[in-house]
Amino acid sequence: MRYLALAVLLCALLPLTNAQCFVKTVKPSMSHCKDDVDDTWHAVGSNWRNSKCWDCTCEGCCAGYSTPTSFPKDCESVFDPVACEYKVHKKGDPTVLCPIFGAVAK
């Protein structure tokens, strides 16, 4: 019964975690670490943005952008990989930007 309660608790906490980040282990003897996306090497203590728009350190990476979750129904969100951000605009007319009422991450 205890294990069932623990499993229910862990499942309840899962949505509260930030899936937009991940952690890596840095060993004390390391002077550099590898970005697994771009296969580039970086000095421990440095930070960088990789080609997938992740802001990274040797300890881990987090998404470098916010994802819109609430905006008018007649609008759509489109990710701009050059600017590393979502643009929300009217459907069929990318020149008309829309307001964003809610977003997650960053």
C-alpha atoms as a PDB file:
ATOM      1  CA  MET A   1       0.000   0.000   0.000  1.00  0.00           C
ATOM      2  CA  ARG A   2       2.893   2.374   0.743  1.00  0.00           C
ATOM      3  CA  TYR A   3       4.329   1.835  -2.731  1.00  0.00           C
ATOM      4  CA  LEU A   4       0.995   2.595  -4.332  1.00  0.00           C
ATOM      5  CA  ALA A   5       0.788   5.869  -2.409  1.00  0.00           C
ATOM      6  CA  LEU A   6       4.336   6.744  -3.451  1.00  0.00           C
ATOM      7  CA  ALA A   7       3.574   5.978  -7.099  1.00  0.00           C
ATOM      8  CA  VAL A   8       0.456   8.165  -7.004  1.00  0.00           C
ATOM      9  CA  LEU A   9       2.437  11.000  -5.399  1.00  0.00           C
ATOM     10  CA  LEU A  10       5.197  10.807  -8.006  1.00  0.00           C
ATOM     11  CA  CYS A  11       2.660  10.782 -10.835  1.00  0.00           C
ATOM     12  CA  ALA A  12       0.974  13.832  -9.320  1.00  0.00           C
ATOM     13  CA  LEU A  13       4.296  15.706  -9.144  1.00  0.00           C
ATOM     14  CA  LEU A  14       5.327  14.878 -12.722  1.00  0.00           C
ATOM     15  CA  PRO A  15       3.389  17.761 -14.352  1.00  0.00           C
ATOM     16  CA  LEU A  16       5.143  20.208 -12.005  1.00  0.00           C
ATOM     17  CA  THR A  17       8.580  19.413 -13.370  1.00  0.00           C
ATOM     18  CA  ASN A  18      10.164  21.629 -16.021  1.00  0.00           C
ATOM     19  CA  ALA A  19      10.508  19.479 -19.117  1.00  0.00           C
ATOM     20  CA  GLN A  20      12.228  22.380 -20.840  1.00  0.00           C
ATOM     21  CA  CYS A  21      15.500  21.713 -18.966  1.00  0.00           C
ATOM     22  CA  PHE A  22      17.849  18.824 -18.411  1.00  0.00           C
ATOM     23  CA  VAL A  23      20.844  18.334 -16.122  1.00  0.00           C
ATOM     24  CA  LYS A  24      24.237  16.795 -16.854  1.00  0.00           C
ATOM     25  CA  THR A  25      26.909  15.615 -14.447  1.00  0.00           C
ATOM     26  CA  VAL A  26      30.223  17.465 -14.370  1.00  0.00           C
ATOM     27  CA  LYS A  27      33.118  15.525 -12.912  1.00  0.00           C
ATOM     28  CA  PRO A  28      35.637  17.525 -10.823  1.00  0.00           C
ATOM     29  CA  SER A  29      38.487  16.616 -13.194  1.00  0.00           C
ATOM     30  CA  MET A  30      36.696  17.972 -16.303  1.00  0.00           C
ATOM     31  CA  SER A  31      37.988  21.135 -17.958  1.00  0.00           C
ATOM     32  CA  HIS A  32      35.637  20.950 -20.985  1.00  0.00           C
ATOM     33  CA  CYS A  33      32.276  19.414 -21.837  1.00  0.00           C
ATOM     34  CA  LYS A  34      30.580  18.469 -25.087  1.00  0.00           C
ATOM     35  CA  ASP A  35      27.319  19.882 -26.425  1.00  0.00           C
ATOM     36  CA  ASP A  36      25.504  16.734 -27.535  1.00  0.00           C
ATOM     37  CA  VAL A  37      23.416  18.627 -30.106  1.00  0.00           C
ATOM     38  CA  ASP A  38      26.188  20.401 -32.017  1.00  0.00           C
ATOM     39  CA  ASP A  39      29.127  18.155 -31.010  1.00  0.00           C
ATOM     40  CA  THR A  40      31.060  21.248 -29.891  1.00  0.00           C
ATOM     41  CA  TRP A  41      33.348  21.492 -26.861  1.00  0.00           C
ATOM     42  CA  HIS A  42      33.051  24.224 -24.212  1.00  0.00           C
ATOM     43  CA  ALA A  43      35.077  25.196 -21.154  1.00  0.00           C
ATOM     44  CA  VAL A  44      33.562  24.363 -17.768  1.00  0.00           C
ATOM     45  CA  GLY A  45      31.962  27.558 -16.434  1.00  0.00           C
ATOM     46  CA  SER A  46      31.034  28.900 -19.868  1.00  0.00           C
ATOM     47  CA  ASN A  47      27.559  29.188 -21.362  1.00  0.00           C
ATOM     48  CA  TRP A  48      26.325  29.045 -24.953  1.00  0.00           C
ATOM     49  CA  ARG A  49      23.238  28.687 -27.140  1.00  0.00           C
ATOM     50  CA  ASN A  50      23.228  25.690 -29.479  1.00  0.00           C
ATOM     51  CA  SER A  51      21.560  25.250 -32.867  1.00  0.00           C
ATOM     52  CA  LYS A  52      18.349  23.907 -31.249  1.00  0.00           C
ATOM     53  CA  CYS A  53      17.935  27.176 -29.279  1.00  0.00           C
ATOM     54  CA  TRP A  54      18.944  25.636 -25.953  1.00  0.00           C
ATOM     55  CA  ASP A  55      20.843  27.837 -23.465  1.00  0.00           C
ATOM     56  CA  CYS A  56      23.525  25.589 -22.012  1.00  0.00           C
ATOM     57  CA  THR A  57      26.293  25.249 -19.463  1.00  0.00           C
ATOM     58  CA  CYS A  58      28.299  22.144 -18.737  1.00  0.00           C
ATOM     59  CA  GLU A  59      25.777  21.382 -15.973  1.00  0.00           C
ATOM     60  CA  GLY A  60      22.805  21.228 -18.385  1.00  0.00           C
ATOM     61  CA  CYS A  61      20.585  23.051 -20.831  1.00  0.00           C
ATOM     62  CA  CYS A  62      17.218  24.817 -20.822  1.00  0.00           C
ATOM     63  CA  ALA A  63      15.048  25.976 -23.688  1.00  0.00           C
ATOM     64  CA  GLY A  64      16.054  29.505 -24.678  1.00  0.00           C
ATOM     65  CA  TYR A  65      12.498  30.478 -25.603  1.00  0.00           C
ATOM     66  CA  SER A  66       8.964  30.597 -24.234  1.00  0.00           C
ATOM     67  CA  THR A  67       6.147  28.588 -25.810  1.00  0.00           C
ATOM     68  CA  PRO A  68       2.849  30.487 -26.170  1.00  0.00           C
ATOM     69  CA  THR A  69      -0.068  28.628 -24.590  1.00  0.00           C
ATOM     70  CA  SER A  70      -2.854  31.212 -24.714  1.00  0.00           C
ATOM     71  CA  PHE A  71      -3.626  33.554 -27.593  1.00  0.00           C
ATOM     72  CA  PRO A  72      -6.709  34.441 -29.712  1.00  0.00           C
ATOM     73  CA  LYS A  73      -8.336  31.567 -31.627  1.00  0.00           C
ATOM     74  CA  ASP A  74      -7.894  33.341 -34.980  1.00  0.00           C
ATOM     75  CA  CYS A  75      -4.115  33.361 -34.487  1.00  0.00           C
ATOM     76  CA  GLU A  76      -1.351  30.772 -34.769  1.00  0.00           C
ATOM     77  CA  SER A  77       2.113  30.409 -33.261  1.00  0.00           C
ATOM     78  CA  VAL A  78       5.094  29.697 -35.496  1.00  0.00           C
ATOM     79  CA  PHE A  79       8.619  29.017 -34.251  1.00  0.00           C
ATOM     80  CA  ASP A  80      11.387  31.163 -35.771  1.00  0.00           C
ATOM     81  CA  PRO A  81      14.585  29.076 -35.428  1.00  0.00           C
ATOM     82  CA  VAL A  82      16.832  32.005 -36.355  1.00  0.00           C
ATOM     83  CA  ALA A  83      15.488  34.300 -33.616  1.00  0.00           C
ATOM     84  CA  CYS A  84      14.822  31.338 -31.255  1.00  0.00           C
ATOM     85  CA  GLU A  85      11.307  32.553 -30.487  1.00  0.00           C
ATOM     86  CA  TYR A  86       7.673  31.916 -31.297  1.00  0.00           C
ATOM     87  CA  LYS A  87       5.822  34.523 -33.337  1.00  0.00           C
ATOM     88  CA  VAL A  88       2.047  34.642 -32.889  1.00  0.00           C
ATOM     89  CA  HIS A  89       0.183  36.132 -35.846  1.00  0.00           C
ATOM     90  CA  LYS A  90      -3.202  36.081 -37.548  1.00  0.00           C
ATOM     91  CA  LYS A  91      -3.875  32.867 -39.448  1.00  0.00           C
ATOM     92  CA  GLY A  92      -3.111  33.515 -43.096  1.00  0.00           C
ATOM     93  CA  ASP A  93      -1.511  36.934 -42.456  1.00  0.00           C
ATOM     94  CA  PRO A  94       1.927  36.810 -40.776  1.00  0.00           C
ATOM     95  CA  THR A  95       2.187  40.616 -40.883  1.00  0.00           C
ATOM     96  CA  VAL A  96      -0.491  41.029 -38.173  1.00  0.00           C
ATOM     97  CA  LEU A  97       0.895  40.061 -34.755  1.00  0.00           C
ATOM     98  CA  CYS A  98      -1.420  38.824 -32.003  1.00  0.00           C
ATOM     99  CA  PRO A  99      -1.286  39.268 -28.229  1.00  0.00           C
ATOM    100  CA  ILE A 100       0.022  36.409 -26.090  1.00  0.00           C
ATOM    101  CA  PHE A 101      -1.901  35.881 -22.856  1.00  0.00           C
ATOM    102  CA  GLY A 102       0.161  32.990 -21.469  1.00  0.00           C
ATOM    103  CA  ALA A 103       3.392  31.099 -22.123  1.00  0.00           C
ATOM    104  CA  VAL A 104       5.553  28.416 -20.491  1.00  0.00           C
ATOM    105  CA  ALA A 105       9.312  28.049 -19.906  1.00  0.00           C
ATOM    106  CA  LYS A 106      12.253  30.359 -20.238  1.00  0.00           C
END
